[in-house]
Amino acid sequence: MKKGILFDLDGTLWDSSANVIASWNDCIAKNSQIGRTYTQEQMQSYMGKTLEQIADIMFPMLAPDERYSLLRKCNTNELDYLREHKDQKYYPLERETLEKLYEGYLLAVVSNCQDGYIQVFLEQCGFGGLFADFECAGRTGKSKGENIRLVMERNGLESCVYVGDTNLDGEAARAAGVPFIHAGYGFGFPDEFDARIMGFDELPATVAKLI
């Protein structure tokens, strides 16, 4: 039986929130008259949501077409900024644990981000070769649950788990019909989960119990 572990990105595999919010504040100042800045804590609370949801939360003072246009500019600026600033935060024992899991499971990333964001992670993390596939809403226009199923189908996965840190991740896993492991070290506190880990080193034993 071919088994897989699919991961959310922000708050699960890395924390890029400091550089992301710096890039967004810079873009907002240059391209709008909003006259305010946003905090890293706020950005962490937005991560995991779709880009449209984030725009609605951040820019309710703008008309819909204006807020989505500003968000697209922020996204473009973000990718350029992250490529220049490579000091993203990773988690203790992350690489060592993923290398161990790679021996027995297909690893992949599924996120609600824009196209290009996962690619930056894979380029910078130093262990991108461990991941066999990735998918995001920015490429498919589909929900996270649909993208989980898409990755499963095209890789022939008969069973898998989804690892994420927010309530939306749990909802996506349930929509896809797979167990959800809550990354308790991340940004969110979901209402329901099948298991919780507080560190990467707990993941192998937790996955083995679920699939």
C-alpha atoms as a PDB file:
ATOM      1  CA  MET A   1       0.000   0.000   0.000  1.00  0.00           C
ATOM      2  CA  LYS A   2       1.417   3.355  -1.060  1.00  0.00           C
ATOM      3  CA  LYS A   3       1.212   5.804   1.835  1.00  0.00           C
ATOM      4  CA  GLY A   4       1.790   9.541   1.987  1.00  0.00           C
ATOM      5  CA  ILE A   5       2.149  12.466   4.346  1.00  0.00           C
ATOM      6  CA  LEU A   6       0.840  15.768   3.016  1.00  0.00           C
ATOM      7  CA  PHE A   7       1.835  18.995   4.755  1.00  0.00           C
ATOM      8  CA  ASP A   8       0.462  22.466   5.089  1.00  0.00           C
ATOM      9  CA  LEU A   9       3.260  25.030   4.706  1.00  0.00           C
ATOM     10  CA  ASP A  10       2.932  28.113   6.950  1.00  0.00           C
ATOM     11  CA  GLY A  11       3.137  27.237  10.629  1.00  0.00           C
ATOM     12  CA  THR A  12       3.808  23.599   9.733  1.00  0.00           C
ATOM     13  CA  LEU A  13       6.988  23.446   7.627  1.00  0.00           C
ATOM     14  CA  TRP A  14       8.247  27.017   8.048  1.00  0.00           C
ATOM     15  CA  ASP A  15       7.435  30.440   9.480  1.00  0.00           C
ATOM     16  CA  SER A  16       7.995  33.178   6.906  1.00  0.00           C
ATOM     17  CA  SER A  17       5.627  35.637   8.586  1.00  0.00           C
ATOM     18  CA  ALA A  18       8.274  38.234   9.569  1.00  0.00           C
ATOM     19  CA  ASN A  19       9.499  38.663   6.009  1.00  0.00           C
ATOM     20  CA  VAL A  20       6.054  38.327   4.463  1.00  0.00           C
ATOM     21  CA  ILE A  21       4.571  41.127   6.564  1.00  0.00           C
ATOM     22  CA  ALA A  22       7.625  43.327   5.936  1.00  0.00           C
ATOM     23  CA  SER A  23       7.139  42.892   2.194  1.00  0.00           C
ATOM     24  CA  TRP A  24       3.396  43.523   2.400  1.00  0.00           C
ATOM     25  CA  ASN A  25       3.756  46.669   4.520  1.00  0.00           C
ATOM     26  CA  ASP A  26       6.262  48.006   1.994  1.00  0.00           C
ATOM     27  CA  CYS A  27       3.902  47.262  -0.899  1.00  0.00           C
ATOM     28  CA  ILE A  28       0.853  48.700   0.874  1.00  0.00           C
ATOM     29  CA  ALA A  29       2.691  51.954   1.623  1.00  0.00           C
ATOM     30  CA  LYS A  30       3.752  52.319  -2.005  1.00  0.00           C
ATOM     31  CA  ASN A  31       0.480  51.333  -3.646  1.00  0.00           C
ATOM     32  CA  SER A  32      -2.348  52.566  -1.417  1.00  0.00           C
ATOM     33  CA  GLN A  33      -3.553  55.347   0.844  1.00  0.00           C
ATOM     34  CA  ILE A  34      -4.564  53.022   3.668  1.00  0.00           C
ATOM     35  CA  GLY A  35      -2.082  54.661   6.018  1.00  0.00           C
ATOM     36  CA  ARG A  36      -1.513  51.730   8.337  1.00  0.00           C
ATOM     37  CA  THR A  37       0.896  48.851   8.859  1.00  0.00           C
ATOM     38  CA  TYR A  38       0.222  45.278   9.936  1.00  0.00           C
ATOM     39  CA  THR A  39       2.014  43.146  12.521  1.00  0.00           C
ATOM     40  CA  GLN A  40       3.698  39.764  12.309  1.00  0.00           C
ATOM     41  CA  GLU A  41       1.113  38.390  14.726  1.00  0.00           C
ATOM     42  CA  GLN A  42      -1.660  39.517  12.415  1.00  0.00           C
ATOM     43  CA  MET A  43       0.035  37.889   9.439  1.00  0.00           C
ATOM     44  CA  GLN A  44       0.323  34.614  11.345  1.00  0.00           C
ATOM     45  CA  SER A  45      -3.434  34.699  11.962  1.00  0.00           C
ATOM     46  CA  TYR A  46      -4.091  35.211   8.231  1.00  0.00           C
ATOM     47  CA  MET A  47      -1.883  32.341   7.077  1.00  0.00           C
ATOM     48  CA  GLY A  48      -3.794  29.261   5.959  1.00  0.00           C
ATOM     49  CA  LYS A  49      -6.693  31.284   4.587  1.00  0.00           C
ATOM     50  CA  THR A  50      -7.299  31.765   0.881  1.00  0.00           C
ATOM     51  CA  LEU A  51      -5.870  34.905  -0.680  1.00  0.00           C
ATOM     52  CA  GLU A  52      -9.351  36.324  -1.212  1.00  0.00           C
ATOM     53  CA  GLN A  53     -10.204  35.782   2.462  1.00  0.00           C
ATOM     54  CA  ILE A  54      -7.006  37.540   3.500  1.00  0.00           C
ATOM     55  CA  ALA A  55      -7.765  40.534   1.254  1.00  0.00           C
ATOM     56  CA  ASP A  56     -11.274  40.814   2.714  1.00  0.00           C
ATOM     57  CA  ILE A  57      -9.898  40.792   6.273  1.00  0.00           C
ATOM     58  CA  MET A  58      -7.006  43.176   5.671  1.00  0.00           C
ATOM     59  CA  PHE A  59      -8.581  45.685   3.299  1.00  0.00           C
ATOM     60  CA  PRO A  60     -12.309  46.005   4.114  1.00  0.00           C
ATOM     61  CA  MET A  61     -12.015  49.767   3.585  1.00  0.00           C
ATOM     62  CA  LEU A  62     -11.380  49.192  -0.136  1.00  0.00           C
ATOM     63  CA  ALA A  63     -13.813  48.172  -2.849  1.00  0.00           C
ATOM     64  CA  PRO A  64     -13.495  44.465  -3.748  1.00  0.00           C
ATOM     65  CA  ASP A  65     -11.665  45.068  -7.036  1.00  0.00           C
ATOM     66  CA  GLU A  66      -9.225  47.432  -5.309  1.00  0.00           C
ATOM     67  CA  ARG A  67      -8.494  45.085  -2.406  1.00  0.00           C
ATOM     68  CA  TYR A  68      -7.828  42.116  -4.701  1.00  0.00           C
ATOM     69  CA  SER A  69      -5.632  44.241  -6.959  1.00  0.00           C
ATOM     70  CA  LEU A  70      -3.612  45.383  -3.937  1.00  0.00           C
ATOM     71  CA  LEU A  71      -3.315  41.803  -2.717  1.00  0.00           C
ATOM     72  CA  ARG A  72      -1.911  40.676  -6.070  1.00  0.00           C
ATOM     73  CA  LYS A  73       0.722  43.398  -5.858  1.00  0.00           C
ATOM     74  CA  CYS A  74       1.574  42.282  -2.304  1.00  0.00           C
ATOM     75  CA  ASN A  75       1.932  38.699  -3.506  1.00  0.00           C
ATOM     76  CA  THR A  76       4.353  39.667  -6.265  1.00  0.00           C
ATOM     77  CA  ASN A  77       6.404  41.807  -3.886  1.00  0.00           C
ATOM     78  CA  GLU A  78       6.374  38.984  -1.321  1.00  0.00           C
ATOM     79  CA  LEU A  79       7.974  36.420  -3.634  1.00  0.00           C
ATOM     80  CA  ASP A  80      10.722  38.836  -4.649  1.00  0.00           C
ATOM     81  CA  TYR A  81      11.337  39.766  -1.005  1.00  0.00           C
ATOM     82  CA  LEU A  82      11.515  36.142   0.168  1.00  0.00           C
ATOM     83  CA  ARG A  83      14.021  35.303  -2.547  1.00  0.00           C
ATOM     84  CA  GLU A  84      16.247  38.134  -1.292  1.00  0.00           C
ATOM     85  CA  HIS A  85      15.697  37.465   2.427  1.00  0.00           C
ATOM     86  CA  LYS A  86      16.391  33.787   3.091  1.00  0.00           C
ATOM     87  CA  ASP A  87      16.184  33.814   6.871  1.00  0.00           C
ATOM     88  CA  GLN A  88      12.867  31.981   7.184  1.00  0.00           C
ATOM     89  CA  LYS A  89      12.261  30.048  10.395  1.00  0.00           C
ATOM     90  CA  TYR A  90      12.202  26.247  10.361  1.00  0.00           C
ATOM     91  CA  TYR A  91      11.392  23.911  13.239  1.00  0.00           C
ATOM     92  CA  PRO A  92      13.596  21.762  15.521  1.00  0.00           C
ATOM     93  CA  LEU A  93      14.409  18.291  14.108  1.00  0.00           C
ATOM     94  CA  GLU A  94      12.425  19.080  10.948  1.00  0.00           C
ATOM     95  CA  ARG A  95      14.971  17.966   8.376  1.00  0.00           C
ATOM     96  CA  GLU A  96      16.080  14.885  10.320  1.00  0.00           C
ATOM     97  CA  THR A  97      12.490  13.726  10.781  1.00  0.00           C
ATOM     98  CA  LEU A  98      11.521  14.330   7.153  1.00  0.00           C
ATOM     99  CA  GLU A  99      14.576  12.371   5.989  1.00  0.00           C
ATOM    100  CA  LYS A 100      13.434   9.451   8.141  1.00  0.00           C
ATOM    101  CA  LEU A 101       9.852   9.653   6.864  1.00  0.00           C
ATOM    102  CA  TYR A 102      11.051   9.895   3.270  1.00  0.00           C
ATOM    103  CA  GLU A 103      12.173   6.260   3.484  1.00  0.00           C
ATOM    104  CA  GLY A 104       8.633   4.983   3.924  1.00  0.00           C
ATOM    105  CA  TYR A 105       6.199   7.647   2.759  1.00  0.00           C
ATOM    106  CA  LEU A 106       5.602   9.959  -0.188  1.00  0.00           C
ATOM    107  CA  LEU A 107       5.923  13.528   1.085  1.00  0.00           C
ATOM    108  CA  ALA A 108       4.075  16.471  -0.491  1.00  0.00           C
ATOM    109  CA  VAL A 109       2.968  20.037   0.293  1.00  0.00           C
ATOM    110  CA  VAL A 110      -0.593  21.362  -0.129  1.00  0.00           C
ATOM    111  CA  SER A 111      -1.277  25.021   0.662  1.00  0.00           C
ATOM    112  CA  ASN A 112      -3.790  27.792  -0.026  1.00  0.00           C
ATOM    113  CA  CYS A 113      -0.978  30.088  -1.203  1.00  0.00           C
ATOM    114  CA  GLN A 114      -0.295  31.718  -4.556  1.00  0.00           C
ATOM    115  CA  ASP A 115       1.664  29.944  -7.253  1.00  0.00           C
ATOM    116  CA  GLY A 116       5.395  30.421  -6.663  1.00  0.00           C
ATOM    117  CA  TYR A 117       5.308  30.447  -2.857  1.00  0.00           C
ATOM    118  CA  ILE A 118       5.812  26.709  -2.314  1.00  0.00           C
ATOM    119  CA  GLN A 119       8.539  26.815  -4.954  1.00  0.00           C
ATOM    120  CA  VAL A 120      10.433  29.413  -2.875  1.00  0.00           C
ATOM    121  CA  PHE A 121      10.177  27.126   0.154  1.00  0.00           C
ATOM    122  CA  LEU A 122      11.480  24.141  -1.835  1.00  0.00           C
ATOM    123  CA  GLU A 123      14.360  26.214  -3.217  1.00  0.00           C
ATOM    124  CA  GLN A 124      15.426  27.617   0.173  1.00  0.00           C
ATOM    125  CA  CYS A 125      14.808  24.923   2.767  1.00  0.00           C
ATOM    126  CA  GLY A 126      17.740  22.689   1.787  1.00  0.00           C
ATOM    127  CA  PHE A 127      15.617  19.540   1.795  1.00  0.00           C
ATOM    128  CA  GLY A 128      13.220  20.267  -1.068  1.00  0.00           C
ATOM    129  CA  GLY A 129      14.232  17.040  -2.784  1.00  0.00           C
ATOM    130  CA  LEU A 130      12.389  15.075  -0.105  1.00  0.00           C
ATOM    131  CA  PHE A 131       9.031  16.269  -1.446  1.00  0.00           C
ATOM    132  CA  ALA A 132       7.649  14.387  -4.436  1.00  0.00           C
ATOM    133  CA  ASP A 133       4.825  16.811  -5.235  1.00  0.00           C
ATOM    134  CA  PHE A 134       3.062  20.022  -4.230  1.00  0.00           C
ATOM    135  CA  GLU A 135      -0.147  21.848  -4.999  1.00  0.00           C
ATOM    136  CA  CYS A 136      -1.787  25.150  -4.144  1.00  0.00           C
ATOM    137  CA  ALA A 137      -4.964  27.141  -4.703  1.00  0.00           C
ATOM    138  CA  GLY A 138      -3.014  29.645  -6.772  1.00  0.00           C
ATOM    139  CA  ARG A 139      -2.355  26.995  -9.426  1.00  0.00           C
ATOM    140  CA  THR A 140      -5.618  25.055  -9.445  1.00  0.00           C
ATOM    141  CA  GLY A 141      -8.260  27.454  -8.135  1.00  0.00           C
ATOM    142  CA  LYS A 142      -9.478  24.550  -6.003  1.00  0.00           C
ATOM    143  CA  SER A 143     -10.047  24.263  -2.272  1.00  0.00           C
ATOM    144  CA  LYS A 144      -7.378  22.739  -0.051  1.00  0.00           C
ATOM    145  CA  GLY A 145      -9.465  19.606   0.416  1.00  0.00           C
ATOM    146  CA  GLU A 146      -9.772  19.199  -3.351  1.00  0.00           C
ATOM    147  CA  ASN A 147      -6.036  19.733  -3.769  1.00  0.00           C
ATOM    148  CA  ILE A 148      -5.291  17.070  -1.156  1.00  0.00           C
ATOM    149  CA  ARG A 149      -7.355  14.607  -3.178  1.00  0.00           C
ATOM    150  CA  LEU A 150      -5.678  15.778  -6.396  1.00  0.00           C
ATOM    151  CA  VAL A 151      -2.204  15.066  -5.019  1.00  0.00           C
ATOM    152  CA  MET A 152      -3.349  11.695  -3.694  1.00  0.00           C
ATOM    153  CA  GLU A 153      -4.831  10.671  -7.028  1.00  0.00           C
ATOM    154  CA  ARG A 154      -1.950  11.679  -9.246  1.00  0.00           C
ATOM    155  CA  ASN A 155       0.563   9.949  -6.962  1.00  0.00           C
ATOM    156  CA  GLY A 156      -1.477   6.796  -6.494  1.00  0.00           C
ATOM    157  CA  LEU A 157      -1.724   7.182  -2.725  1.00  0.00           C
ATOM    158  CA  GLU A 158      -3.998   4.617  -1.139  1.00  0.00           C
ATOM    159  CA  SER A 159      -3.819   6.263   2.274  1.00  0.00           C
ATOM    160  CA  CYS A 160      -2.319   9.415   3.730  1.00  0.00           C
ATOM    161  CA  VAL A 161      -2.516  11.945   6.534  1.00  0.00           C
ATOM    162  CA  TYR A 162      -2.590  15.726   6.369  1.00  0.00           C
ATOM    163  CA  VAL A 163      -0.435  17.707   8.798  1.00  0.00           C
ATOM    164  CA  GLY A 164      -1.399  21.321   9.489  1.00  0.00           C
ATOM    165  CA  ASP A 165      -1.844  23.880  12.211  1.00  0.00           C
ATOM    166  CA  THR A 166      -5.214  25.610  11.716  1.00  0.00           C
ATOM    167  CA  ASN A 167      -8.914  24.861  11.842  1.00  0.00           C
ATOM    168  CA  LEU A 168      -9.055  25.307   8.058  1.00  0.00           C
ATOM    169  CA  ASP A 169      -6.457  22.546   7.712  1.00  0.00           C
ATOM    170  CA  GLY A 170      -8.634  20.240   9.772  1.00  0.00           C
ATOM    171  CA  GLU A 171     -11.668  21.074   7.645  1.00  0.00           C
ATOM    172  CA  ALA A 172      -9.654  20.383   4.480  1.00  0.00           C
ATOM    173  CA  ALA A 173      -8.502  17.001   5.776  1.00  0.00           C
ATOM    174  CA  ARG A 174     -12.077  16.029   6.645  1.00  0.00           C
ATOM    175  CA  ALA A 175     -13.281  17.170   3.224  1.00  0.00           C
ATOM    176  CA  ALA A 176     -10.592  14.984   1.639  1.00  0.00           C
ATOM    177  CA  GLY A 177     -11.458  12.049   3.889  1.00  0.00           C
ATOM    178  CA  VAL A 178      -8.009  11.701   5.484  1.00  0.00           C
ATOM    179  CA  PRO A 179      -6.784  11.850   9.104  1.00  0.00           C
ATOM    180  CA  PHE A 180      -5.651  15.242  10.369  1.00  0.00           C
ATOM    181  CA  ILE A 181      -2.561  15.701  12.533  1.00  0.00           C
ATOM    182  CA  HIS A 182      -2.449  19.059  14.304  1.00  0.00           C
ATOM    183  CA  ALA A 183       0.973  20.705  14.344  1.00  0.00           C
ATOM    184  CA  GLY A 184       0.608  22.112  17.837  1.00  0.00           C
ATOM    185  CA  TYR A 185       3.750  24.244  17.506  1.00  0.00           C
ATOM    186  CA  GLY A 186       2.146  26.295  14.708  1.00  0.00           C
ATOM    187  CA  PHE A 187      -0.203  29.283  14.497  1.00  0.00           C
ATOM    188  CA  GLY A 188      -3.664  27.832  15.149  1.00  0.00           C
ATOM    189  CA  PHE A 189      -5.822  25.834  17.533  1.00  0.00           C
ATOM    190  CA  PRO A 190      -8.276  23.661  15.552  1.00  0.00           C
ATOM    191  CA  ASP A 191     -11.459  22.352  17.124  1.00  0.00           C
ATOM    192  CA  GLU A 192     -11.005  18.781  15.894  1.00  0.00           C
ATOM    193  CA  PHE A 193      -8.032  16.598  15.025  1.00  0.00           C
ATOM    194  CA  ASP A 194      -7.137  12.929  14.945  1.00  0.00           C
ATOM    195  CA  ALA A 195      -3.775  13.449  16.636  1.00  0.00           C
ATOM    196  CA  ARG A 196      -1.585  16.307  17.804  1.00  0.00           C
ATOM    197  CA  ILE A 197       2.182  16.687  17.777  1.00  0.00           C
ATOM    198  CA  MET A 198       4.163  19.356  19.604  1.00  0.00           C
ATOM    199  CA  GLY A 199       7.372  18.698  17.706  1.00  0.00           C
ATOM    200  CA  PHE A 200       8.553  17.064  14.487  1.00  0.00           C
ATOM    201  CA  ASP A 201      10.162  14.158  16.315  1.00  0.00           C
ATOM    202  CA  GLU A 202       6.689  12.960  17.345  1.00  0.00           C
ATOM    203  CA  LEU A 203       5.511  12.634  13.750  1.00  0.00           C
ATOM    204  CA  PRO A 204       6.796   9.148  12.755  1.00  0.00           C
ATOM    205  CA  ALA A 205       5.095   7.353  15.631  1.00  0.00           C
ATOM    206  CA  THR A 206       1.922   9.421  15.228  1.00  0.00           C
ATOM    207  CA  VAL A 207       1.615   8.685  11.513  1.00  0.00           C
ATOM    208  CA  ALA A 208       2.233   4.981  12.091  1.00  0.00           C
ATOM    209  CA  LYS A 209      -0.771   4.848  14.409  1.00  0.00           C
ATOM    210  CA  LEU A 210      -3.113   6.469  11.878  1.00  0.00           C
ATOM    211  CA  ILE A 211      -2.231   4.783   8.556  1.00  0.00           C
END
